[in-house]
Protein backbone atom coordinates (compact mmCIF):
# COMPACT_ATOMS: atom_id res chain seq x y z
CA UNK A 1 -1.65 23.90 9.67
CA UNK A 2 1.12 22.15 7.71
CA UNK A 3 2.45 25.15 6.32
CA UNK A 4 6.22 25.60 5.43
CA UNK A 5 9.24 24.89 6.80
CA UNK A 6 12.34 25.21 5.36
CA UNK A 7 15.78 23.05 4.47
CA UNK A 8 17.53 26.08 4.59
CA UNK A 9 13.63 27.24 1.80
CA UNK A 10 13.66 24.00 0.18
CA UNK A 11 9.64 23.58 1.30
CA UNK A 12 8.95 20.08 3.45
CA UNK A 13 5.75 18.59 4.07
CA UNK A 14 4.11 20.27 6.81
CA UNK A 15 1.36 17.99 8.93
CA UNK A 16 -2.28 19.21 9.90
CA UNK A 17 -2.34 16.73 12.38
CA UNK A 18 -0.72 12.78 11.56
CA UNK A 19 -3.36 11.54 10.02
CA UNK A 20 -4.06 8.00 11.06
CA UNK A 21 -5.28 5.90 7.81
CA UNK A 22 -7.04 2.76 9.32
CA UNK A 23 -7.19 0.02 6.67
CA UNK A 24 -10.36 -0.58 5.43
CA UNK A 25 -11.77 -2.42 2.45
CA UNK A 26 -14.18 -1.12 -0.19
CA UNK A 27 -17.61 -2.33 -0.69
CA UNK A 28 -18.35 -2.72 -4.13
CA UNK A 29 -19.08 0.56 -6.14
CA UNK A 30 -22.79 0.36 -6.13
CA UNK A 31 -25.10 2.91 -6.91
CA UNK A 32 -27.30 4.49 -4.07
CA UNK A 33 -29.88 7.10 -3.49
CA UNK A 34 -28.05 10.02 -1.95
CA UNK A 35 -27.99 13.66 -1.41
CA UNK A 36 -29.20 16.07 -4.26
CA UNK A 37 -28.97 19.54 -4.67
CA UNK A 38 -32.48 21.61 -4.02
CA UNK A 39 -32.74 25.18 -6.26
CA UNK A 40 -31.49 27.95 -5.42
CA UNK A 41 -32.52 31.41 -7.11
CA UNK A 42 -30.07 33.49 -5.79
CA UNK A 43 -27.38 31.81 -7.72
CA UNK A 44 -26.31 33.89 -10.58
CA UNK A 45 -27.45 31.81 -13.83
CA UNK A 46 -23.96 31.31 -15.10
CA UNK A 47 -23.29 29.22 -11.72
CA UNK A 48 -26.56 27.67 -11.36
CA UNK A 49 -25.22 24.27 -13.76
CA UNK A 50 -22.58 23.44 -10.88
CA UNK A 51 -25.35 24.73 -8.29
CA UNK A 52 -27.74 21.94 -9.72
CA UNK A 53 -26.39 19.12 -11.10
CA UNK A 54 -27.05 16.05 -9.84
CA UNK A 55 -24.50 13.67 -8.27
CA UNK A 56 -23.93 9.59 -9.18
CA UNK A 57 -23.15 8.08 -5.27
CA UNK A 58 -21.90 4.93 -4.62
CA UNK A 59 -20.80 2.68 -1.80
CA UNK A 60 -17.16 3.72 -0.67
CA UNK A 61 -14.66 2.85 2.38
CA UNK A 62 -17.11 1.01 4.73
CA UNK A 63 -21.56 1.01 6.03
CA UNK A 64 -23.26 3.89 5.35
CA UNK A 65 -20.34 5.71 3.76
CA UNK A 66 -20.61 6.91 -0.15
CA UNK A 67 -18.67 8.56 -3.20
CA UNK A 68 -19.37 10.35 -5.88
CA UNK A 69 -17.66 13.31 -7.90
CA UNK A 70 -18.92 16.28 -8.54
CA UNK A 71 -17.55 19.44 -11.14
CA UNK A 72 -16.67 22.98 -10.69
CA UNK A 73 -15.40 25.50 -12.82
CA UNK A 74 -11.78 25.55 -13.50
CA UNK A 75 -11.07 28.95 -13.29
CA UNK A 76 -14.24 30.39 -11.26
CA UNK A 77 -13.76 33.66 -13.39
CA UNK A 78 -14.66 31.59 -16.15
CA UNK A 79 -17.56 29.23 -15.51
CA UNK A 80 -18.05 27.92 -19.18
CA UNK A 81 -14.64 27.47 -19.28
CA UNK A 82 -13.16 23.47 -18.36
CA UNK A 83 -14.78 22.00 -15.26
CA UNK A 84 -12.50 20.11 -12.50
CA UNK A 85 -13.75 16.61 -11.19
CA UNK A 86 -13.97 17.04 -7.19
CA UNK A 87 -13.84 13.49 -5.21
CA UNK A 88 -16.17 13.39 -2.01
CA UNK A 89 -17.46 11.54 0.43
CA UNK A 90 -19.95 11.09 3.00
CA UNK A 91 -20.97 9.07 6.05
CA UNK A 92 -24.19 8.68 6.65
CA UNK A 93 -25.11 9.46 10.78
CA UNK A 94 -26.48 7.12 12.50
CA UNK A 95 -29.81 9.33 14.15
CA UNK A 96 -32.48 8.09 11.91
CA UNK A 97 -33.43 11.94 12.22
CA UNK A 98 -30.26 13.89 11.22
CA UNK A 99 -30.02 17.06 12.04
CA UNK A 100 -28.43 17.53 8.13
CA UNK A 101 -24.46 16.76 7.17
CA UNK A 102 -21.38 19.22 8.48
CA UNK A 103 -18.37 19.08 5.57
CA UNK A 104 -14.78 18.93 7.13
CA UNK A 105 -12.25 19.66 6.16
CA UNK A 106 -8.88 18.23 7.52
CA UNK A 107 -6.13 20.71 7.02
CA UNK A 108 -2.77 20.90 5.30
CA UNK A 109 -3.34 22.73 3.32
CA UNK A 110 -3.43 18.79 0.95
CA UNK A 111 -4.96 16.30 3.14
CA UNK A 112 -7.78 14.06 1.73
CA UNK A 113 -10.95 14.57 3.92
CA UNK A 114 -12.43 11.49 1.75
CA UNK A 115 -9.63 9.70 3.59
CA UNK A 116 -11.09 10.54 6.18
CA UNK A 117 -14.48 10.07 5.68
CA UNK A 118 -13.54 6.27 3.62
CA UNK A 119 -10.70 4.78 6.39
CA UNK A 120 -11.02 6.78 9.55
CA UNK A 121 -14.81 8.00 10.49
CA UNK A 122 -14.61 6.95 14.20
CA UNK A 123 -11.19 8.68 15.05
CA UNK A 124 -13.16 11.95 13.41
CA UNK A 125 -15.03 14.90 15.87
CA UNK A 126 -17.41 12.79 18.43
CA UNK A 127 -19.82 9.78 18.76
CA UNK A 128 -22.42 12.17 19.72
CA UNK A 129 -21.82 14.26 16.60
CA UNK A 130 -21.77 11.24 13.89
CA UNK A 131 -24.40 10.51 14.86
CA UNK A 132 -26.35 13.51 14.56
CA UNK A 133 -25.28 15.01 10.87
CA UNK A 134 -24.34 13.32 8.09
CA UNK A 135 -20.13 13.66 8.22
CA UNK A 136 -18.44 15.00 5.02
CA UNK A 137 -15.64 15.01 2.89
CA UNK A 138 -13.43 16.57 0.48
CA UNK A 139 -10.61 16.15 -1.16
CA UNK A 140 -10.02 20.55 -2.40
CA UNK A 141 -9.26 20.79 -6.02
CA UNK A 142 -5.36 19.31 -6.23
CA UNK A 143 -5.52 17.07 -3.64
CA UNK A 144 -5.79 13.58 -3.48
CA UNK A 145 -8.63 12.13 -6.25
CA UNK A 146 -9.62 15.80 -7.00
CA UNK A 147 -8.57 17.53 -10.36
CA UNK A 148 -6.55 18.91 -10.75
CA UNK A 149 -3.94 16.18 -10.10
CA UNK A 150 -0.55 17.68 -8.58
CA UNK A 151 2.25 15.38 -9.73
CA UNK A 152 5.64 17.22 -9.61
CA UNK A 153 8.45 14.86 -8.87
CA UNK A 154 9.41 11.18 -8.50
CA UNK A 155 9.40 9.63 -5.49
CA UNK A 156 13.04 9.05 -5.40
CA UNK A 157 13.96 12.79 -6.25
CA UNK A 158 11.32 13.54 -3.68
CA UNK A 159 13.60 11.91 -1.78
CA UNK A 160 15.69 14.00 -2.47
CA UNK A 161 14.12 16.97 -2.64
CA UNK A 162 13.07 16.36 1.24
CA UNK A 163 16.08 14.68 2.50
CA UNK A 164 18.45 15.79 0.90
CA UNK A 165 21.96 17.56 1.28
CA UNK A 166 24.63 18.64 -0.61
CA UNK A 167 27.14 18.63 1.70
CA UNK A 168 26.87 22.60 1.45
CA UNK A 169 27.45 25.02 4.55
CA UNK A 170 24.59 26.24 5.25
CA UNK A 171 23.17 29.60 4.53
CA UNK A 172 26.30 30.17 2.20
CA UNK A 173 25.73 31.27 -1.37
CA UNK A 174 26.67 28.09 -2.67
CA UNK A 175 23.83 26.40 -0.59
CA UNK A 176 21.75 28.82 -1.37
CA UNK A 177 22.28 28.22 -5.31
CA UNK A 178 21.51 24.62 -4.47
CA UNK A 179 18.81 25.73 -2.78
CA UNK A 180 17.29 27.41 -5.63
CA UNK A 181 18.58 24.98 -8.50
CA UNK A 182 16.22 22.35 -6.00
CA UNK A 183 13.22 24.83 -6.37
CA UNK A 184 13.41 24.86 -9.85
CA UNK A 185 13.46 21.82 -10.04
CA UNK A 186 10.59 21.25 -7.90
CA UNK A 187 8.78 23.84 -10.19
CA UNK A 188 9.28 23.26 -13.01
CA UNK A 189 8.18 19.20 -12.74
CA UNK A 190 4.57 20.90 -10.68
CA UNK A 191 4.21 23.07 -14.08
CA UNK A 192 5.00 20.09 -16.89
CA UNK A 193 3.14 17.15 -14.71
CA UNK A 194 0.64 18.70 -13.76
CA UNK A 195 -0.85 21.67 -16.58
CA UNK A 196 -2.52 24.80 -16.85
CA UNK A 197 -4.97 24.31 -13.84
CA UNK A 198 -2.36 24.47 -11.45
CA UNK A 199 -2.57 28.64 -11.37
CA UNK A 200 -6.78 27.91 -10.16
CA UNK A 201 -5.75 25.37 -6.41
CA UNK A 202 -5.70 28.41 -4.31
CA UNK A 203 -7.81 28.12 -1.46
CA UNK A 204 -10.65 31.10 -2.79
CA UNK A 205 -11.48 29.00 -5.27
CA UNK A 206 -11.84 26.16 -2.91
CA UNK A 207 -14.11 27.76 -1.08
CA UNK A 208 -16.30 28.63 -3.95
CA UNK A 209 -16.61 24.77 -4.49
CA UNK A 210 -17.63 24.23 -0.69
CA UNK A 211 -20.34 26.21 -1.35
CA UNK A 212 -20.81 23.87 -4.55
CA UNK A 213 -21.01 21.40 -2.23
CA UNK A 214 -22.67 22.96 0.70
CA UNK A 215 -24.95 23.35 -2.01
CA UNK A 216 -25.40 19.69 -3.03
CA UNK A 217 -26.37 18.44 0.37
CA UNK A 218 -28.90 20.16 0.56
CA UNK A 219 -28.57 23.10 2.64
CA UNK A 220 -29.60 26.27 2.80
CA UNK A 221 -26.84 27.04 5.13
CA UNK A 222 -23.40 25.61 5.40
CA UNK A 223 -22.36 23.47 9.03
CA UNK A 224 -18.65 23.50 9.10
CA UNK A 225 -16.11 22.25 10.84
CA UNK A 226 -11.96 23.25 9.60
CA UNK A 227 -9.27 22.20 11.21
CA UNK A 228 -5.97 23.87 11.28
CA UNK A 229 -5.59 24.66 7.26
CA UNK A 230 -9.18 24.02 7.22
CA UNK A 231 -9.75 27.84 9.71
CA UNK A 232 -8.60 29.61 6.57
CA UNK A 233 -10.26 28.09 4.59
CA UNK A 234 -13.59 28.21 6.33
CA UNK A 235 -13.09 31.76 7.26
CA UNK A 236 -12.21 32.78 3.36
CA UNK A 237 -15.88 30.87 2.55
CA UNK A 238 -17.54 32.82 6.02
CA UNK A 239 -16.35 36.33 4.31
CA UNK A 240 -16.87 35.02 0.75
CA UNK A 241 -20.93 33.55 1.92
CA UNK A 242 -21.54 35.60 5.16
CA UNK A 243 -25.30 34.54 4.82
CA UNK A 244 -25.15 30.95 3.83
CA UNK A 245 -22.45 30.50 7.73
CA UNK A 246 -25.22 28.15 9.84
CA UNK A 247 -22.84 26.39 12.32
CA UNK A 248 -18.83 26.65 12.56
CA UNK A 249 -15.99 25.51 14.06
CA UNK A 250 -12.91 25.92 13.41
CA UNK A 251 -10.01 24.43 15.25
CA UNK A 252 -6.08 25.22 15.68
CA UNK A 253 -7.05 28.51 14.30
CA UNK A 254 -5.24 30.78 11.74
CA UNK A 255 -5.83 35.06 11.72
CA UNK A 256 -5.65 35.10 7.75
CA UNK A 257 -4.51 38.48 7.98
CA UNK A 258 -1.71 37.69 9.50
CA UNK A 259 1.21 37.64 6.65
CA UNK A 260 3.40 35.02 5.05
CA UNK A 261 6.51 36.25 6.72
CA UNK A 262 4.60 37.26 9.92
CA UNK A 263 2.74 33.67 10.03
CA UNK A 264 6.58 31.52 10.15
CA UNK A 265 8.03 33.46 12.64
CA UNK A 266 4.88 32.45 14.81
CA UNK A 267 4.58 29.02 13.99
CA UNK A 268 8.62 28.44 14.19
CA UNK A 269 8.14 30.11 17.86
CA UNK A 270 5.21 27.27 18.89
CA UNK A 271 7.32 25.07 17.76
CA UNK A 272 10.30 26.30 20.39
CA UNK A 273 7.65 26.07 22.93
CA UNK A 274 6.27 22.86 22.69
CA UNK A 275 10.13 21.90 21.87
CA UNK A 276 10.55 23.64 25.60
CA UNK A 277 7.03 21.94 26.91
CA UNK A 278 8.36 18.42 25.50
CA UNK A 279 11.99 19.17 27.16
CA UNK A 280 10.20 19.53 30.42
CA UNK A 281 8.41 16.94 30.77
CA UNK A 282 11.22 14.57 29.25
CA UNK A 283 13.58 15.87 32.22
CA UNK A 284 11.29 14.74 35.49
CA UNK A 285 12.21 10.99 34.07
CA UNK A 286 14.37 9.11 34.68
CA UNK A 287 14.50 7.84 31.04
CA UNK A 288 15.27 10.99 29.62
CA UNK A 289 18.01 11.26 26.96
CA UNK A 290 18.63 14.85 28.36
CA UNK A 291 19.97 16.01 31.88
CA UNK A 292 20.16 19.28 33.21
CA UNK A 293 17.53 22.52 32.65
CA UNK A 294 15.28 23.13 29.80
CA UNK A 295 18.48 25.47 28.26
CA UNK A 296 20.94 22.89 29.04
CA UNK A 297 19.25 20.15 26.79
CA UNK A 298 18.29 22.89 24.26
CA UNK A 299 22.69 23.11 24.14
CA UNK A 300 22.65 19.32 23.54
CA UNK A 301 19.89 19.30 20.81
CA UNK A 302 21.37 21.94 18.63
CA UNK A 303 25.30 20.35 19.34
CA UNK A 304 23.34 17.46 17.80
CA UNK A 305 22.46 19.34 14.34
CA UNK A 306 25.25 20.96 13.86
CA UNK A 307 27.16 17.64 13.84
CA UNK A 308 24.53 16.18 11.23
CA UNK A 309 25.10 19.44 9.16
CA UNK A 310 28.61 17.66 9.02
CA UNK A 311 28.15 13.94 8.87
CA UNK A 312 24.81 12.39 8.72
CA UNK A 313 23.80 9.20 10.44
CA UNK A 314 23.48 5.33 9.91
CA UNK A 315 19.79 4.38 10.10
CA UNK A 316 19.26 0.19 9.82
CA UNK A 317 17.72 0.93 6.80
CA UNK A 318 20.26 1.29 3.83
CA UNK A 319 19.35 5.27 4.16
CA UNK A 320 21.62 7.63 6.17
CA UNK A 321 19.97 10.31 8.66
CA UNK A 322 20.51 13.96 7.40
CA UNK A 323 19.91 17.13 8.92
CA UNK A 324 16.99 17.82 6.89
CA UNK A 325 15.55 14.39 7.93
CA UNK A 326 15.97 15.05 11.46
CA UNK A 327 14.86 18.31 11.46
CA UNK A 328 11.83 16.60 9.86
CA UNK A 329 11.88 13.35 12.61
CA UNK A 330 12.18 16.38 15.75
CA UNK A 331 9.21 18.56 14.38
CA UNK A 332 6.67 16.20 13.52
CA UNK A 333 6.33 14.36 17.67
CA UNK A 334 5.70 17.20 18.64
CA UNK A 335 2.43 17.75 17.27
CA UNK A 336 1.12 15.65 19.81
CA UNK A 337 2.20 15.03 23.65
CA UNK A 338 0.96 10.90 23.19
CA UNK A 339 4.59 11.23 20.29
CA UNK A 340 6.89 12.71 23.11
CA UNK A 341 8.22 9.00 23.46
CA UNK A 342 8.83 8.24 20.51
CA UNK A 343 10.82 11.56 20.43
CA UNK A 344 12.66 9.93 23.19
CA UNK A 345 13.46 7.62 21.57
CA UNK A 346 15.01 9.05 18.76
CA UNK A 347 17.19 11.48 20.47
CA UNK A 348 18.77 9.06 22.02
CA UNK A 349 19.50 6.44 19.50
CA UNK A 350 20.85 10.13 17.95
CA UNK A 351 23.53 10.93 20.84
CA UNK A 352 24.26 7.44 20.92
CA UNK A 353 25.20 7.76 16.65
CA UNK A 354 21.80 5.51 15.43
CA UNK A 355 19.22 8.04 13.02
CA UNK A 356 16.69 4.90 12.63
CA UNK A 357 13.72 6.46 14.59
CA UNK A 358 14.55 9.98 13.99
CA UNK A 359 13.85 8.73 10.11
CA UNK A 360 11.18 7.03 11.00
CA UNK A 361 9.41 9.85 11.87
CA UNK A 362 10.09 12.00 9.69
CA UNK A 363 8.68 9.85 7.56
CA UNK A 364 5.81 9.82 8.78
CA UNK A 365 5.43 13.62 8.73
CA UNK A 366 6.02 13.17 4.78
CA UNK A 367 3.55 10.50 4.15
CA UNK A 368 6.75 8.23 2.34
CA UNK A 369 6.37 3.99 2.73
CA UNK A 370 8.74 1.62 3.79
CA UNK A 371 9.23 1.14 -0.47
CA UNK A 372 9.73 4.29 -0.73
CA UNK A 373 6.86 5.73 -2.66
CA UNK A 374 4.88 8.71 -1.21
CA UNK A 375 0.72 7.67 0.37
CA UNK A 376 -0.71 10.94 -1.18
CA UNK A 377 0.46 14.33 -3.01
CA UNK A 378 0.23 16.42 0.13
CA UNK A 379 3.77 17.67 0.30
CA UNK A 380 2.66 18.89 -3.31
CA UNK A 381 -0.19 20.16 -2.98
CA UNK A 382 0.31 21.88 0.18
CA UNK A 383 3.39 24.37 -1.57
CA UNK A 384 1.42 24.49 -4.60
CA UNK A 385 -2.30 26.03 -2.09
CA UNK A 386 0.43 27.68 -0.10
CA UNK A 387 2.24 30.31 -3.47
CA UNK A 388 -1.54 31.03 -4.65
CA UNK A 389 -2.37 31.94 -1.12
CA UNK A 390 0.54 33.96 -0.27
CA UNK A 391 4.43 34.79 0.04
CA UNK A 392 7.14 36.26 2.02
CA UNK A 393 9.46 39.03 -0.46
CA UNK A 394 12.57 36.84 -1.90
CA UNK A 395 14.59 39.96 -1.94
CA UNK A 396 18.06 39.80 -0.56
CA UNK A 397 17.74 42.34 2.14
CA UNK A 398 14.02 41.28 3.20
CA UNK A 399 15.59 37.41 3.50
CA UNK A 400 18.01 38.81 5.29
CA UNK A 401 16.06 40.63 8.08
CA UNK A 402 13.68 37.71 7.95
CA UNK A 403 16.09 35.70 9.19
CA UNK A 404 17.15 37.66 11.70
CA UNK A 405 14.04 37.08 13.53
CA UNK A 406 13.74 33.68 13.07
CA UNK A 407 17.35 32.66 14.63
CA UNK A 408 16.17 34.91 16.84
CA UNK A 409 12.87 33.45 17.71
CA UNK A 410 14.18 29.66 18.16
CA UNK A 411 17.78 29.53 18.75
CA UNK A 412 17.52 25.69 18.60
CA UNK A 413 15.06 25.47 15.55
CA UNK A 414 15.13 28.71 13.94
CA UNK A 415 18.57 27.99 11.84
CA UNK A 416 16.72 25.75 10.21
CA UNK A 417 13.81 28.20 9.37
CA UNK A 418 16.06 30.24 7.22
CA UNK A 419 15.36 31.62 3.70
CA UNK A 420 12.06 30.66 3.91
CA UNK A 421 10.65 33.14 0.87
CA UNK A 422 12.76 30.73 -1.90
CA UNK A 423 10.88 28.24 -1.95
CA UNK A 424 7.48 30.07 -3.89
CA UNK A 425 10.12 32.30 -5.65
CA UNK A 426 10.15 31.40 -8.48
CA UNK A 427 7.00 29.64 -8.61
CA UNK A 428 5.17 30.71 -11.95
CA UNK A 429 1.58 31.67 -11.34
CA UNK A 430 0.87 35.01 -9.27
CA UNK A 431 -0.78 34.66 -6.02
CA UNK A 432 -4.56 34.32 -6.65
CA UNK A 433 -6.51 37.59 -5.25
CA UNK A 434 -8.28 36.92 -1.61
CA UNK A 435 -10.37 39.33 1.40
CA UNK A 436 -9.50 42.12 2.22
CA UNK A 437 -10.95 41.80 5.59
CA UNK A 438 -12.00 38.09 7.29
CA UNK A 439 -14.53 40.05 9.56
CA UNK A 440 -18.09 38.12 8.15
CA UNK A 441 -20.07 41.09 9.28
CA UNK A 442 -23.24 39.77 9.95
CA UNK A 443 -22.83 35.77 10.17
CA UNK A 444 -23.93 33.59 12.23
CA UNK A 445 -21.82 33.01 15.68
CA UNK A 446 -18.52 31.11 14.31
CA UNK A 447 -16.79 29.17 17.50
CA UNK A 448 -12.93 29.10 17.35
CA UNK A 449 -11.04 26.20 19.44
CA UNK A 450 -7.94 26.91 20.60
CA UNK A 451 -4.98 24.72 22.44
CA UNK A 452 -2.43 26.85 24.73
CA UNK A 453 0.11 24.61 24.22
CA UNK A 454 -0.27 24.15 20.21
CA UNK A 455 3.41 24.18 18.02
CA UNK A 456 1.85 24.75 14.34
CA UNK A 457 -0.65 27.30 15.10
CA UNK A 458 -0.24 29.07 17.81
CA UNK A 459 -2.41 30.14 20.67
CA UNK A 460 -2.17 33.92 19.74
CA UNK A 461 -3.82 33.09 16.79
CA UNK A 462 -7.33 31.62 17.85
CA UNK A 463 -7.82 34.46 20.58
CA UNK A 464 -7.26 37.12 17.03
CA UNK A 465 -9.70 35.48 15.03
CA UNK A 466 -12.62 35.11 18.19
CA UNK A 467 -11.48 38.50 19.47
CA UNK A 468 -10.37 40.50 17.04
CA UNK A 469 -10.71 39.20 13.65
CA UNK A 470 -14.36 37.98 13.34
CA UNK A 471 -17.24 39.46 14.38
CA UNK A 472 -19.19 37.23 15.94
CA UNK A 473 -16.19 34.68 16.72
CA UNK A 474 -16.47 32.97 20.07
CA UNK A 475 -13.25 31.62 21.69
CA UNK A 476 -13.22 27.54 23.30
CA UNK A 477 -9.88 27.41 25.00
CA UNK A 478 -7.82 24.77 25.82
CA UNK A 479 -5.00 24.24 28.42
CA UNK A 480 -2.68 21.72 27.25
CA UNK A 481 -0.76 20.26 23.73
CA UNK A 482 -0.82 19.33 20.91
CA UNK A 483 -2.41 20.68 17.02
CA UNK A 484 -5.79 20.73 17.07
CA UNK A 485 -8.05 19.31 20.64
CA UNK A 486 -11.89 18.95 19.67
CA UNK A 487 -12.48 15.30 18.91
CA UNK A 488 -9.53 13.81 21.08
CA UNK A 489 -9.79 13.34 24.93
CA UNK A 490 -10.97 16.63 26.27
CA UNK A 491 -14.70 16.19 27.85
CA UNK A 492 -14.94 20.23 28.39
CA UNK A 493 -14.23 21.00 24.55
CA UNK A 494 -16.19 18.13 22.87
CA UNK A 495 -18.97 18.90 24.85
CA UNK A 496 -18.75 22.71 23.95
CA UNK A 497 -18.50 22.07 20.22
CA UNK A 498 -21.55 19.75 20.74
CA UNK A 499 -24.01 21.60 22.96
CA UNK A 500 -23.08 24.43 19.82
CA UNK A 501 -23.59 22.51 16.54
CA UNK A 502 -26.24 20.05 18.12
CA UNK A 503 -28.54 21.98 20.78
CA UNK A 504 -27.65 25.58 18.66
CA UNK A 505 -26.13 26.71 22.44
CA UNK A 506 -23.62 29.22 21.84
CA UNK A 507 -20.22 29.13 24.43
CA UNK A 508 -21.19 33.24 25.03
CA UNK A 509 -18.65 32.39 27.97
CA UNK A 510 -15.03 31.21 27.05
CA UNK A 511 -15.31 27.61 28.85
CA UNK A 512 -11.58 28.00 29.30
CA UNK A 513 -11.14 23.82 29.10
CA UNK A 514 -8.26 22.15 31.22
């Protein structure tokens, strides 16, 4: 889950998985035969044009990979009104007789499922699942190639928004006023450059789009794989379309009943624990840039960050490492232990007065290219979707109380998580309606995967979603580090999820994978 942590209230882009884009040569866009919808009499007449639309598929990305656009209502309460075009892609199963199609969402909100199918299919799920099912990705409304194209600031202004430092005392009246000014500039640009359909990029609308995609692939019931924010989208779908759930796996789970303010604190606690876990491992090695105990190392990091509040560090480029670039650069490698060596290097350089690696890590997180452009609209979509789904109260008393909670949750990082409510306080559209319960009563079994060391979607949320929120949730635990687990290196998790999808074996007991 990307969700937001703030630069004294400025939203930075948050990442589900740091997605790695593999280079791929696009094939000529040749028309091909592909999946088409099957008539469903249970769909209301006003929505039938969307559920029965004929789809034009063409080759894209790589071998056995096909792309198309479909249409959905911009406003699901007005199906006769304006339409949006959504990008969809799928990779054909390698087995001659596939079991069906698995629709997946990589998270965010704001990450592109189409990019994963076209460019990173070998990294998605397991070889066994890709053999048994067509793998389907889509760009949710407002994301990537799907309408409305959410566009806000120029690349130069994005740099200022994400990395800029006004040189003001953190949390001072002047700093808060400057933050409000920056957020207003961002918000106004989103409205001006995106248009009125910015009001309809909420998760409930995306879940309704998801049901159209299910129908287009000729599936009576959905097979769904959601990572991080994708678990929220999946849980929303399960509540709205309970009887249409076939197989559903929610990995890196979010408890949809937790408020935005509570979610912010939980995520901060997750990153704080991940930082402690990183430091514990680091201090066991001779090349660790810190010394003493974990608590001693945390104090050294806190001193480094305080110094960056006063003076940015030079890098090997013409850019400096500001406090906000540094916080982002520290957060990014906490998503996976495989990035910890890079964090070692970043800290070592920063302690020696060089911000190069931490800035590179921040750029990776924000999908900023070396030439100063941004690879996608992930950050803009993340803010737009998040602000429609939920908000924190932005009155002074509520923010003061929230600030106390985040500082207590992490003495090292909490200082930079304050004033989170300001991120959406000026968003011009109201919070969208959403389900009051996510129990999905009467659904087929839903598998929830949780990682004990997950920084972005803490393990407790997976436990709650599986055991308390969903009526038919089944927990698969991975005892380890990182954000999400299925399709990675743990054979136990992969075996449990594959058995569920391929052999319909429900994990009635948590395998408690090590």
